[in-house]
Protein backbone atom coordinates (compact mmCIF):
# COMPACT_ATOMS: atom_id res chain seq x y z
CA UNK A 1 2.62 -6.52 -21.97
CA UNK A 2 6.05 -6.74 -23.54
CA UNK A 3 9.35 -8.15 -21.85
CA UNK A 4 10.81 -4.90 -21.38
CA UNK A 5 7.73 -3.54 -19.83
CA UNK A 6 7.35 -6.05 -17.60
CA UNK A 7 10.49 -5.96 -15.99
CA UNK A 8 10.33 -2.13 -15.53
CA UNK A 9 7.33 -2.71 -13.80
CA UNK A 10 8.62 -5.45 -11.27
CA UNK A 11 11.82 -3.71 -10.72
CA UNK A 12 10.08 -0.35 -10.11
CA UNK A 13 7.02 -1.55 -8.25
CA UNK A 14 7.74 -0.19 -4.70
CA UNK A 15 8.83 2.83 -5.59
CA UNK A 16 6.10 3.37 -7.52
CA UNK A 17 4.03 2.17 -4.37
CA UNK A 18 5.88 4.99 -2.18
CA UNK A 19 5.07 7.88 -4.64
CA UNK A 20 1.42 6.72 -4.94
CA UNK A 21 1.26 6.75 -0.85
CA UNK A 22 2.82 9.98 -0.72
CA UNK A 23 0.50 11.75 -3.28
CA UNK A 24 -2.33 9.56 -2.28
CA UNK A 25 -2.71 11.09 1.26
CA UNK A 26 -4.39 14.55 -0.37
CA UNK A 27 -7.95 15.13 -0.86
CA UNK A 28 -8.09 16.52 -4.49
CA UNK A 29 -11.54 17.53 -3.63
CA UNK A 30 -10.33 20.11 -1.27
CA UNK A 31 -8.63 23.38 -2.90
CA UNK A 32 -5.71 23.43 -0.50
CA UNK A 33 -4.60 19.94 -0.88
CA UNK A 34 -5.17 20.02 -4.79
CA UNK A 35 -2.67 23.35 -4.65
CA UNK A 36 -0.13 21.31 -2.39
CA UNK A 37 -0.62 18.59 -5.26
CA UNK A 38 -0.31 20.40 -8.09
CA UNK A 39 2.54 22.70 -6.78
CA UNK A 40 4.40 19.88 -5.65
CA UNK A 41 4.12 18.51 -9.27
CA UNK A 42 5.14 21.26 -10.42
CA UNK A 43 8.39 21.44 -8.70
CA UNK A 44 9.81 18.01 -9.82
CA UNK A 45 8.11 18.24 -13.24
CA UNK A 46 9.08 21.11 -14.89
CA UNK A 47 13.07 20.62 -13.78
CA UNK A 48 12.73 16.69 -14.78
CA UNK A 49 10.80 17.83 -18.23
CA UNK A 50 13.77 20.36 -18.58
CA UNK A 51 16.75 17.99 -17.95
CA UNK A 52 15.01 15.57 -20.60
CA UNK A 53 15.08 18.43 -23.25
CA UNK A 54 18.87 19.21 -22.59
CA UNK A 55 19.60 15.71 -22.89
CA UNK A 56 17.64 15.13 -26.15
CA UNK A 57 14.16 13.76 -25.71
CA UNK A 58 13.24 15.05 -28.55
CA UNK A 59 15.69 12.89 -30.78
CA UNK A 60 14.10 9.75 -29.06
CA UNK A 61 10.51 10.78 -29.12
CA UNK A 62 9.96 13.23 -32.10
CA UNK A 63 6.19 14.10 -30.74
CA UNK A 64 8.07 15.28 -26.84
CA UNK A 65 5.92 18.63 -27.67
CA UNK A 66 2.54 16.97 -27.45
CA UNK A 67 3.73 14.98 -24.51
CA UNK A 68 5.56 17.59 -22.46
CA UNK A 69 2.87 18.77 -19.67
CA UNK A 70 4.57 21.85 -17.69
CA UNK A 71 2.66 24.29 -19.34
CA UNK A 72 -0.33 22.18 -18.70
CA UNK A 73 0.31 22.44 -15.25
CA UNK A 74 1.52 26.05 -15.18
CA UNK A 75 -1.89 27.10 -16.32
CA UNK A 76 -3.52 25.28 -13.59
CA UNK A 77 -1.78 26.50 -10.71
CA UNK A 78 -2.82 30.15 -12.27
CA UNK A 79 -6.51 29.15 -12.40
CA UNK A 80 -5.99 28.41 -8.27
CA UNK A 81 -4.06 31.62 -8.11
CA UNK A 82 -0.68 30.27 -7.21
CA UNK A 83 2.62 30.84 -8.44
CA UNK A 84 4.63 28.18 -9.86
CA UNK A 85 7.56 27.03 -7.26
CA UNK A 86 11.19 27.92 -8.06
CA UNK A 87 12.64 25.17 -9.84
CA UNK A 88 15.33 23.16 -8.96
CA UNK A 89 17.72 20.67 -10.44
CA UNK A 90 16.15 18.04 -12.33
CA UNK A 91 17.39 14.53 -12.28
CA UNK A 92 19.56 14.12 -15.57
CA UNK A 93 19.33 11.11 -17.27
CA UNK A 94 22.66 9.16 -18.03
CA UNK A 95 22.31 8.13 -21.64
CA UNK A 96 19.54 7.36 -24.06
CA UNK A 97 18.13 4.27 -22.02
CA UNK A 98 17.85 6.02 -18.87
CA UNK A 99 16.01 8.91 -20.40
CA UNK A 100 13.74 6.60 -21.66
CA UNK A 101 12.99 5.02 -18.05
CA UNK A 102 12.55 8.33 -16.76
CA UNK A 103 9.66 9.31 -19.54
CA UNK A 104 8.24 5.92 -18.63
CA UNK A 105 7.66 7.38 -15.23
CA UNK A 106 6.09 10.44 -16.74
CA UNK A 107 4.04 8.73 -19.47
CA UNK A 108 2.80 6.13 -16.70
CA UNK A 109 1.58 8.80 -14.29
CA UNK A 110 -1.09 9.66 -17.01
CA UNK A 111 -2.69 6.38 -15.97
CA UNK A 112 -3.32 7.17 -12.68
CA UNK A 113 -3.76 11.03 -13.99
CA UNK A 114 -7.34 9.68 -15.29
CA UNK A 115 -8.34 8.10 -11.66
CA UNK A 116 -7.23 11.31 -10.25
CA UNK A 117 -9.21 13.72 -12.57
CA UNK A 118 -12.28 12.11 -11.53
CA UNK A 119 -11.85 12.73 -8.06
CA UNK A 120 -11.07 16.94 -8.77
CA UNK A 121 -14.08 16.77 -10.76
CA UNK A 122 -16.11 15.89 -7.50
CA UNK A 123 -14.81 19.47 -5.94
CA UNK A 124 -17.41 22.08 -5.17
CA UNK A 125 -14.87 24.89 -5.52
CA UNK A 126 -14.99 26.02 -9.64
CA UNK A 127 -11.62 26.83 -9.69
CA UNK A 128 -10.71 23.29 -8.70
CA UNK A 129 -12.96 21.80 -11.08
CA UNK A 130 -11.82 24.19 -13.97
CA UNK A 131 -8.05 23.21 -12.87
CA UNK A 132 -7.33 20.23 -14.83
CA UNK A 133 -5.29 20.48 -17.95
CA UNK A 134 -2.63 19.07 -16.21
CA UNK A 135 -4.49 15.64 -15.04
CA UNK A 136 -6.41 15.72 -18.21
CA UNK A 137 -3.33 16.13 -20.83
CA UNK A 138 -3.54 14.14 -23.61
CA UNK A 139 -6.23 11.88 -22.62
CA UNK A 140 -7.49 10.99 -25.76
CA UNK A 141 -4.22 10.85 -27.64
CA UNK A 142 -2.78 7.35 -26.79
CA UNK A 143 0.25 8.49 -25.55
CA UNK A 144 1.21 6.09 -22.92
CA UNK A 145 0.24 2.95 -25.16
CA UNK A 146 2.28 4.92 -28.36
CA UNK A 147 5.36 5.48 -25.66
CA UNK A 148 5.15 1.49 -24.39
CA UNK A 149 5.38 0.96 -28.27
CA UNK A 150 8.74 2.81 -28.91
CA UNK A 151 10.22 1.72 -26.01
CA UNK A 152 9.63 -2.05 -26.77
CA UNK A 153 11.12 -1.28 -29.72
CA UNK A 154 13.96 1.03 -28.63
CA UNK A 155 17.75 -0.47 -29.36
CA UNK A 156 19.06 1.76 -26.95
CA UNK A 157 16.18 0.26 -24.36
CA UNK A 158 16.71 -3.49 -25.48
CA UNK A 159 20.29 -2.86 -25.35
CA UNK A 160 20.34 -1.54 -21.68
CA UNK A 161 17.33 -2.22 -19.62
CA UNK A 162 19.19 -1.86 -16.21
CA UNK A 163 19.73 1.88 -17.58
CA UNK A 164 16.16 2.21 -18.08
CA UNK A 165 15.25 0.85 -14.65
CA UNK A 166 17.92 3.38 -13.37
CA UNK A 167 16.09 6.18 -14.90
CA UNK A 168 13.06 5.11 -14.16
CA UNK A 169 14.11 4.62 -10.44
CA UNK A 170 15.61 8.10 -10.87
CA UNK A 171 12.51 9.70 -11.83
CA UNK A 172 10.29 7.79 -8.85
CA UNK A 173 12.51 9.12 -6.19
CA UNK A 174 12.16 12.77 -7.42
CA UNK A 175 8.75 12.61 -7.16
CA UNK A 176 8.97 11.12 -3.87
CA UNK A 177 11.33 13.87 -2.70
CA UNK A 178 8.84 16.59 -4.10
CA UNK A 179 5.70 15.47 -1.94
CA UNK A 180 7.93 16.33 0.88
CA UNK A 181 6.41 15.53 4.49
CA UNK A 182 3.07 17.36 3.95
CA UNK A 183 2.31 14.50 1.53
CA UNK A 184 2.72 11.64 3.73
CA UNK A 185 1.55 12.98 6.79
CA UNK A 186 -1.91 14.38 6.72
CA UNK A 187 -2.79 14.21 10.45
CA UNK A 188 -3.91 17.08 12.21
CA UNK A 189 -5.02 18.67 9.05
CA UNK A 190 -8.47 20.31 8.60
CA UNK A 191 -10.79 22.26 6.41
C-alpha cells in the first residue's frame, strides 16, 4: 500500500465506518430495503458524478466514462419500478487533489459493492436479483487498482495530500447524509 493511500485510509477511517454503518442497516435481499438503498445512493451518486464532471475529472482520469456508475444505478431503479430521485447539488471539489479524494471514495466503494452483490443475489425476488448493474459495475476491469496507481503518481495529489483527504471526507459526508435517518434506524420495520 502506497504512502498516500495509507494516509487517506487512516484519515478517513471513521467517516468510512459511519457510512458503512448507515447503509449497513439495510437487508439487501429484501426488495423494500434494496430499493431504499439504491434510491439513497442515486440521490448522492448522480450529483456527485455530475459535479466531478463539471470540475474536469476526465482530464485527470481519461477513462472516467468507464468509471461512471449513475446510468447503471438508474437502470437498476427502473428494474425495481422506481423513478430516480430528484437531483440535488453535489459536493464541489476544491481543486484537482480534492477531486481525486472524492473519486477515491467512489472507486473504493467498488470493494464493498462486491460483498453487497452477494447479498442481493440471495434475494428471492427476481427483480432484486436482476437489479445488479450498479453493484457489479466494472467488477472485472480492475478499476480500483488502476485508480490507486494513478492516485499514487498524481502530482496534484502528492503536492496536497490534505486536499485529497478533504475531498474524500466531503464525499463520505455526502453519502452519510444521503443515507438519512432510515439508513441508521431500522427498528420497528417489518416485512
